[in-house]
N, C-alpha and C. Protein backbone atom coordinates (compact mmCIF):
# COMPACT_ATOMS: atom_id res chain seq x y z
N MET A 1 45.20 -16.87 28.77
CA MET A 1 44.14 -16.99 28.03
C MET A 1 42.67 -17.22 28.41
N MET A 2 43.17 -18.01 29.79
CA MET A 2 41.87 -18.31 30.59
C MET A 2 41.32 -17.31 31.08
N ASP A 3 42.18 -16.40 31.69
CA ASP A 3 41.82 -14.84 32.20
C ASP A 3 40.89 -14.22 30.98
N ARG A 4 41.41 -14.07 30.17
CA ARG A 4 40.44 -13.31 28.88
C ARG A 4 38.90 -14.13 28.76
N PHE A 5 38.99 -15.62 29.01
CA PHE A 5 37.87 -16.14 28.51
C PHE A 5 36.96 -15.95 29.86
N LEU A 6 37.53 -15.60 30.87
CA LEU A 6 36.64 -16.14 32.45
C LEU A 6 36.22 -14.18 32.37
N PHE A 7 36.76 -13.31 32.07
CA PHE A 7 36.68 -12.03 32.53
C PHE A 7 36.97 -11.23 31.29
N ALA A 8 36.02 -11.13 30.20
CA ALA A 8 36.14 -10.42 29.33
C ALA A 8 36.09 -9.21 29.69
N LYS A 9 37.29 -8.82 29.04
CA LYS A 9 37.58 -7.14 29.26
C LYS A 9 37.36 -6.37 27.74
N GLY A 10 37.80 -5.19 27.54
CA GLY A 10 37.38 -4.33 26.45
C GLY A 10 37.69 -4.94 24.75
N GLN A 11 38.75 -5.38 24.95
CA GLN A 11 39.41 -6.18 24.15
C GLN A 11 38.33 -7.05 23.15
N PHE A 12 37.45 -7.53 24.03
CA PHE A 12 36.50 -8.68 23.25
C PHE A 12 35.69 -7.80 22.48
N VAL A 13 35.54 -6.47 22.91
CA VAL A 13 34.15 -5.81 22.08
C VAL A 13 34.39 -5.82 20.56
N ASN A 14 35.70 -5.67 20.21
CA ASN A 14 35.55 -5.80 18.79
C ASN A 14 36.62 -6.85 18.49
N SER A 15 36.37 -7.86 18.96
CA SER A 15 37.16 -8.85 18.49
C SER A 15 36.50 -9.74 17.55
N THR A 16 37.09 -10.59 16.61
CA THR A 16 36.68 -11.79 15.71
C THR A 16 35.20 -12.44 16.25
N SER A 17 35.67 -13.32 17.25
CA SER A 17 34.52 -13.76 18.08
C SER A 17 33.28 -12.86 18.44
N SER A 18 33.41 -11.55 18.74
CA SER A 18 32.23 -10.78 19.46
C SER A 18 31.12 -10.49 18.12
N HIS A 19 32.22 -10.17 16.65
CA HIS A 19 31.43 -10.22 15.64
C HIS A 19 30.75 -11.26 14.86
N LEU A 20 31.31 -12.35 15.25
CA LEU A 20 30.81 -13.76 14.55
C LEU A 20 29.67 -13.85 15.61
N GLY A 21 30.00 -13.48 16.98
CA GLY A 21 28.38 -13.78 17.78
C GLY A 21 27.37 -12.91 17.20
N LEU A 22 27.56 -11.45 17.28
CA LEU A 22 26.67 -11.01 16.38
C LEU A 22 26.22 -11.22 14.88
N LEU A 23 26.87 -12.02 14.06
CA LEU A 23 26.48 -12.38 13.00
C LEU A 23 25.44 -13.75 13.54
N PHE A 24 25.90 -14.47 13.96
CA PHE A 24 25.13 -15.65 14.87
C PHE A 24 23.60 -15.13 15.21
N LEU A 25 23.55 -14.02 15.90
CA LEU A 25 22.64 -13.61 16.59
C LEU A 25 21.53 -13.12 15.71
N ARG A 26 21.95 -12.32 14.83
CA ARG A 26 21.33 -11.79 13.67
C ARG A 26 20.58 -12.52 12.67
N LEU A 27 21.73 -13.20 12.31
CA LEU A 27 20.61 -14.53 11.64
C LEU A 27 20.06 -15.62 11.96
N PHE A 28 20.06 -15.87 13.44
CA PHE A 28 18.93 -16.65 13.99
C PHE A 28 17.67 -15.60 14.25
N ALA A 29 18.02 -14.76 15.08
CA ALA A 29 16.90 -13.89 15.30
C ALA A 29 16.16 -13.23 13.92
N GLY A 30 16.67 -12.92 12.90
CA GLY A 30 16.05 -12.44 11.97
C GLY A 30 15.36 -13.06 11.39
N LEU A 31 16.12 -14.31 10.99
CA LEU A 31 15.33 -15.35 10.36
C LEU A 31 14.13 -15.75 11.13
N THR A 32 14.34 -16.04 12.14
CA THR A 32 12.91 -16.82 12.73
C THR A 32 11.98 -15.58 13.06
N LEU A 33 12.38 -14.48 13.34
CA LEU A 33 11.08 -13.86 13.18
C LEU A 33 10.77 -13.32 11.93
N ALA A 34 11.18 -13.68 10.61
CA ALA A 34 10.86 -13.52 9.24
C ALA A 34 9.86 -14.69 9.05
N PHE A 35 10.71 -15.72 9.41
CA PHE A 35 9.67 -16.90 8.89
C PHE A 35 9.17 -17.70 9.85
N ALA A 36 8.82 -17.41 11.39
CA ALA A 36 8.46 -17.97 12.05
C ALA A 36 7.29 -17.20 12.64
N HIS A 37 7.41 -15.76 12.15
CA HIS A 37 6.33 -14.57 12.40
C HIS A 37 5.69 -13.53 11.41
N GLY A 38 6.93 -13.35 10.69
CA GLY A 38 6.46 -12.48 9.81
C GLY A 38 5.74 -12.91 8.57
N VAL A 39 6.14 -13.89 7.98
CA VAL A 39 6.01 -14.45 6.35
C VAL A 39 4.47 -14.63 6.41
N ASP A 40 3.99 -15.14 7.06
CA ASP A 40 2.27 -15.27 7.40
C ASP A 40 1.32 -13.63 7.45
N LYS A 41 2.00 -12.72 7.84
CA LYS A 41 1.41 -11.61 7.81
C LYS A 41 1.48 -10.35 6.54
N VAL A 42 2.25 -11.00 5.96
CA VAL A 42 2.62 -10.36 4.55
C VAL A 42 1.71 -11.20 3.08
N PRO A 43 0.76 -11.04 2.58
CA PRO A 43 0.27 -9.78 2.78
C PRO A 43 -0.75 -10.13 4.27
N PRO A 44 -1.23 -9.10 5.14
CA PRO A 44 -2.19 -9.32 5.87
C PRO A 44 -3.45 -9.69 5.85
N ASN A 45 -3.70 -10.95 6.56
CA ASN A 45 -5.16 -11.75 6.29
C ASN A 45 -6.05 -10.78 7.30
N GLU A 46 -7.55 -11.18 6.86
CA GLU A 46 -8.17 -10.41 7.50
C GLU A 46 -8.55 -10.66 9.23
N GLN A 47 -8.16 -12.04 9.48
CA GLN A 47 -8.13 -11.92 11.10
C GLN A 47 -6.97 -11.02 11.41
N PHE A 48 -6.07 -10.84 11.01
CA PHE A 48 -4.66 -10.16 11.77
C PHE A 48 -5.48 -8.37 11.50
N VAL A 49 -6.19 -8.00 10.48
CA VAL A 49 -6.66 -7.09 10.54
C VAL A 49 -7.71 -6.83 11.19
N GLY A 50 -8.62 -7.66 11.26
CA GLY A 50 -9.42 -7.67 12.46
C GLY A 50 -9.17 -7.39 14.03
N PHE A 51 -8.08 -7.80 14.10
CA PHE A 51 -7.69 -7.91 15.39
C PHE A 51 -7.28 -6.65 15.86
N LEU A 52 -6.49 -6.05 14.85
CA LEU A 52 -5.95 -4.48 15.17
C LEU A 52 -7.05 -3.76 14.86
N ASP A 53 -8.01 -3.79 14.24
CA ASP A 53 -9.18 -3.04 13.97
C ASP A 53 -9.95 -3.09 15.78
N VAL A 54 -9.99 -4.33 16.15
CA VAL A 54 -10.64 -4.49 17.46
C VAL A 54 -9.86 -3.52 18.49
N MET A 55 -8.51 -3.79 18.73
CA MET A 55 -7.50 -3.21 19.04
C MET A 55 -7.97 -1.62 19.23
N GLY A 56 -8.57 -1.04 17.94
CA GLY A 56 -8.47 0.29 18.07
C GLY A 56 -7.44 1.06 17.07
N PHE A 57 -6.71 0.37 16.33
CA PHE A 57 -5.91 0.99 15.38
C PHE A 57 -6.60 1.45 14.27
N PRO A 58 -6.68 2.96 14.24
CA PRO A 58 -7.20 3.48 13.19
C PRO A 58 -6.36 2.91 11.82
N MET A 59 -6.97 2.79 10.77
CA MET A 59 -6.43 2.35 9.57
C MET A 59 -5.78 1.08 9.53
N ALA A 60 -6.94 0.09 10.25
CA ALA A 60 -5.77 -1.05 10.62
C ALA A 60 -5.05 -1.92 9.82
N ILE A 61 -5.72 -2.06 8.47
CA ILE A 61 -4.98 -2.35 7.26
C ILE A 61 -3.90 -1.90 7.32
N ALA A 62 -3.62 -0.49 7.05
CA ALA A 62 -2.11 0.07 6.99
C ALA A 62 -1.21 -0.43 8.22
N PHE A 63 -1.91 -0.36 9.65
CA PHE A 63 -1.05 -0.86 10.52
C PHE A 63 -0.45 -2.56 10.51
N ALA A 64 -1.47 -3.21 9.74
CA ALA A 64 -1.36 -4.59 10.01
C ALA A 64 -0.31 -4.89 8.81
N TRP A 65 -0.34 -4.02 7.77
CA TRP A 65 0.98 -4.10 6.73
C TRP A 65 2.32 -3.56 7.41
N LEU A 66 2.25 -2.53 8.25
CA LEU A 66 3.76 -2.07 8.92
C LEU A 66 3.75 -3.36 9.73
N ALA A 67 3.44 -3.87 10.46
CA ALA A 67 3.44 -4.77 11.23
C ALA A 67 4.16 -6.00 10.93
N GLY A 68 3.03 -6.42 9.51
CA GLY A 68 4.08 -7.59 8.85
C GLY A 68 5.21 -7.55 7.96
N LEU A 69 5.30 -6.16 7.78
CA LEU A 69 6.37 -5.77 7.07
C LEU A 69 7.46 -5.54 7.76
N ALA A 70 7.41 -5.09 8.94
CA ALA A 70 8.78 -4.87 10.21
C ALA A 70 8.85 -6.50 10.61
N GLU A 71 7.97 -7.10 10.83
CA GLU A 71 8.59 -8.48 10.81
C GLU A 71 9.31 -9.43 10.01
N PHE A 72 8.56 -9.56 8.69
CA PHE A 72 9.29 -9.93 7.79
C PHE A 72 10.57 -9.64 7.15
N LEU A 73 10.30 -8.10 6.41
CA LEU A 73 11.46 -7.66 5.71
C LEU A 73 12.48 -7.08 6.57
N GLY A 74 11.68 -6.28 7.99
CA GLY A 74 12.68 -6.29 8.85
C GLY A 74 13.94 -7.00 9.43
N GLY A 75 13.01 -8.63 9.73
CA GLY A 75 14.07 -9.53 10.30
C GLY A 75 14.97 -10.05 9.16
N LEU A 76 14.54 -10.22 7.89
CA LEU A 76 15.72 -10.35 6.81
C LEU A 76 16.71 -9.09 6.51
N LEU A 77 16.44 -8.11 6.79
CA LEU A 77 17.37 -7.12 6.62
C LEU A 77 18.11 -7.37 7.55
N VAL A 78 17.65 -7.17 9.08
CA VAL A 78 18.79 -7.92 10.02
C VAL A 78 19.63 -8.91 9.92
N ALA A 79 19.05 -10.31 9.25
CA ALA A 79 19.80 -10.88 9.16
C ALA A 79 20.73 -10.89 7.72
N MET A 80 20.68 -9.98 7.27
CA MET A 80 21.84 -9.46 6.02
C MET A 80 22.63 -8.48 6.95
N GLY A 81 21.90 -8.03 7.95
CA GLY A 81 23.31 -6.94 8.25
C GLY A 81 23.07 -5.80 7.17
N LEU A 82 21.93 -5.57 6.54
CA LEU A 82 21.52 -4.33 5.47
C LEU A 82 20.70 -3.76 6.34
N LEU A 83 20.91 -2.18 6.62
CA LEU A 83 19.75 -1.06 6.72
C LEU A 83 19.24 -1.80 8.46
N SER A 84 20.55 -2.31 9.02
CA SER A 84 20.25 -2.66 10.30
C SER A 84 19.58 -2.05 11.47
N ARG A 85 20.26 -0.96 11.83
CA ARG A 85 19.31 0.02 12.62
C ARG A 85 17.83 0.57 11.97
N PRO A 86 17.81 0.93 11.03
CA PRO A 86 16.37 1.35 10.73
C PRO A 86 15.24 0.16 10.79
N ALA A 87 15.95 -1.09 10.52
CA ALA A 87 15.11 -2.43 10.46
C ALA A 87 14.79 -2.82 11.74
N SER A 88 16.04 -2.56 12.83
CA SER A 88 15.81 -3.29 14.46
C SER A 88 14.91 -2.17 14.75
N LEU A 89 15.00 -0.91 14.72
CA LEU A 89 13.96 0.22 15.22
C LEU A 89 12.43 -0.37 14.79
N SER A 90 12.36 -0.47 13.82
CA SER A 90 10.88 -0.94 13.30
C SER A 90 10.67 -2.07 13.86
N VAL A 91 11.19 -3.32 14.07
CA VAL A 91 11.17 -4.02 14.69
C VAL A 91 10.89 -4.08 16.15
N MET A 92 11.67 -3.07 16.78
CA MET A 92 11.28 -2.69 18.20
C MET A 92 10.22 -2.28 18.55
N VAL A 93 9.42 -1.28 17.61
CA VAL A 93 8.43 -0.65 17.86
C VAL A 93 7.15 -1.95 18.05
N THR A 94 7.23 -2.41 16.77
CA THR A 94 6.28 -3.72 16.60
C THR A 94 6.43 -4.77 17.58
N MET A 95 7.35 -4.86 18.27
CA MET A 95 7.17 -5.92 19.64
C MET A 95 6.92 -5.14 20.71
N LEU A 96 7.20 -4.02 20.98
CA LEU A 96 6.53 -3.32 22.15
C LEU A 96 5.17 -3.17 21.84
N VAL A 97 4.97 -3.02 20.71
CA VAL A 97 3.03 -2.66 20.74
C VAL A 97 2.36 -4.49 20.71
N ALA A 98 3.36 -5.32 20.20
CA ALA A 98 2.76 -6.81 20.59
C ALA A 98 2.66 -7.30 22.00
N ALA A 99 3.71 -6.80 22.68
CA ALA A 99 3.65 -6.84 24.09
C ALA A 99 2.75 -6.47 25.07
N PHE A 100 2.68 -4.90 24.79
CA PHE A 100 1.76 -4.24 25.68
C PHE A 100 0.28 -3.61 25.01
N MET A 101 0.11 -3.86 23.88
CA MET A 101 -0.87 -3.36 23.36
C MET A 101 -1.52 -4.83 23.01
N ALA A 102 -1.00 -6.00 22.47
CA ALA A 102 -2.19 -6.94 21.64
C ALA A 102 -2.05 -8.09 22.85
N HIS A 103 -0.91 -8.38 23.70
CA HIS A 103 -0.81 -8.94 24.86
C HIS A 103 -0.92 -8.22 26.42
N ALA A 104 -1.73 -6.81 26.23
CA ALA A 104 -1.87 -6.08 27.46
C ALA A 104 -2.32 -7.08 28.51
N ASN A 105 -3.28 -7.86 28.29
CA ASN A 105 -4.18 -8.53 29.41
C ASN A 105 -3.39 -10.29 29.41
N ASP A 106 -2.70 -10.78 28.97
CA ASP A 106 -2.27 -11.63 28.97
C ASP A 106 -1.05 -12.08 29.99
N PRO A 107 -0.74 -12.93 30.24
CA PRO A 107 0.14 -13.27 31.31
C PRO A 107 1.51 -13.22 30.86
N PHE A 108 2.19 -12.65 31.57
CA PHE A 108 3.96 -12.84 31.32
C PHE A 108 4.36 -13.42 30.22
N GLN A 109 4.09 -14.76 30.21
CA GLN A 109 4.57 -15.81 29.55
C GLN A 109 4.37 -15.55 27.81
N LYS A 110 3.17 -14.54 27.51
CA LYS A 110 2.68 -14.40 26.18
C LYS A 110 3.08 -13.22 25.77
N LYS A 111 3.77 -12.39 27.08
CA LYS A 111 4.65 -11.27 26.39
C LYS A 111 6.17 -11.50 26.11
N GLU A 112 6.52 -12.61 26.68
CA GLU A 112 7.97 -12.79 26.68
C GLU A 112 8.78 -12.85 25.38
N MET A 113 7.94 -13.37 24.60
CA MET A 113 8.75 -13.70 22.92
C MET A 113 8.95 -12.54 22.53
N ALA A 114 7.61 -11.35 22.63
CA ALA A 114 7.90 -10.39 21.96
C ALA A 114 8.75 -9.09 22.74
N LEU A 115 9.27 -9.40 24.07
CA LEU A 115 10.28 -8.55 24.62
C LEU A 115 11.55 -9.22 24.65
N LEU A 116 11.76 -11.03 24.51
CA LEU A 116 13.11 -11.21 23.90
C LEU A 116 13.33 -10.59 22.78
N TYR A 117 12.41 -10.57 21.64
CA TYR A 117 12.93 -10.00 20.29
C TYR A 117 13.34 -8.70 20.40
N PHE A 118 12.31 -8.08 21.26
CA PHE A 118 12.90 -6.51 21.42
C PHE A 118 14.26 -6.17 22.06
N PHE A 119 14.62 -6.99 22.78
CA PHE A 119 15.88 -6.84 23.50
C PHE A 119 17.00 -7.16 22.40
N VAL A 120 16.59 -8.58 21.90
CA VAL A 120 17.80 -8.61 21.08
C VAL A 120 18.16 -7.60 19.96
N PHE A 121 16.94 -6.92 19.61
CA PHE A 121 16.86 -6.06 18.53
C PHE A 121 17.61 -4.84 18.91
N LEU A 122 17.24 -4.38 20.25
CA LEU A 122 17.96 -3.47 21.16
C LEU A 122 19.02 -3.50 21.04
N LEU A 123 19.75 -4.79 21.27
CA LEU A 123 21.19 -5.02 20.95
C LEU A 123 21.97 -4.63 19.72
N ILE A 124 21.16 -4.87 18.99
CA ILE A 124 21.57 -5.01 17.45
C ILE A 124 21.40 -3.52 17.05
N PHE A 125 20.59 -3.00 17.70
CA PHE A 125 20.37 -1.36 17.28
C PHE A 125 21.55 -0.51 17.83
N LEU A 126 22.01 -0.56 19.07
CA LEU A 126 23.14 -0.21 19.90
C LEU A 126 24.37 -0.65 19.57
N MET A 127 24.74 -1.64 19.20
CA MET A 127 25.55 -2.16 18.93
C MET A 127 26.15 -2.18 16.93
N GLY A 128 24.90 -1.93 16.35
CA GLY A 128 25.22 -2.58 15.05
C GLY A 128 25.37 -3.84 14.67
N PRO A 129 25.40 -3.85 12.95
CA PRO A 129 25.54 -5.34 12.63
C PRO A 129 26.76 -6.11 12.85
N GLY A 130 27.81 -5.44 12.98
CA GLY A 130 29.17 -5.71 13.11
C GLY A 130 29.92 -5.87 12.01
N LYS A 131 30.89 -6.57 11.53
CA LYS A 131 31.78 -6.45 10.72
C LYS A 131 31.49 -7.41 9.48
N PHE A 132 30.68 -8.76 10.12
CA PHE A 132 30.04 -9.26 9.14
C PHE A 132 28.72 -9.23 8.48
N SER A 133 28.60 -8.02 8.01
CA SER A 133 27.53 -7.42 7.35
C SER A 133 27.41 -6.77 6.25
N LEU A 134 26.89 -6.57 5.50
CA LEU A 134 26.45 -5.77 4.17
C LEU A 134 26.37 -4.50 4.57
N ASP A 135 26.23 -3.69 5.86
CA ASP A 135 26.21 -2.47 6.36
C ASP A 135 27.78 -2.07 6.32
N ASN A 136 28.20 -3.21 6.81
CA ASN A 136 30.00 -2.61 6.84
C ASN A 136 30.58 -3.02 5.53
N LYS A 137 30.18 -3.72 4.68
CA LYS A 137 30.59 -3.71 3.29
C LYS A 137 30.24 -2.42 2.73
N ILE A 138 29.05 -2.03 2.75
CA ILE A 138 28.99 -0.62 1.80
C ILE A 138 29.42 0.68 2.48
N ARG A 139 29.56 0.51 3.71
CA ARG A 139 30.42 1.79 4.56
C ARG A 139 31.78 1.66 4.02
N LYS A 140 32.35 0.49 3.91
CA LYS A 140 33.74 0.81 3.48
C LYS A 140 33.98 1.09 1.96
């Protein structure tokens, strides 16, 4: 047992503990993204739309809605494990824009949060939401 704990092998990939880990990761990342970042962007306020306009986005209001919905609705969907891969993809694109466009001239510490979210949602995109998800229930 200690060997399995110290040196994880392939059997852990589909174990209950790995699915619980995905569940906790989805819940934390999805809900924090939705309620700490996305909820204030739906509907987008004038300051956010103006910021996107200054960055050179055409149709800044449309992009503000897309970013807000990706963060709020995408976060909620991932937390529930519903449409997890498309929701993760929309969050990943939004986080890349945040890291490399919105914070392009900022130090790494400003980019770090967006990059962390990007990689967490990349993991969920690649692995799927796990067996404790609505996607899994629907698929069955």
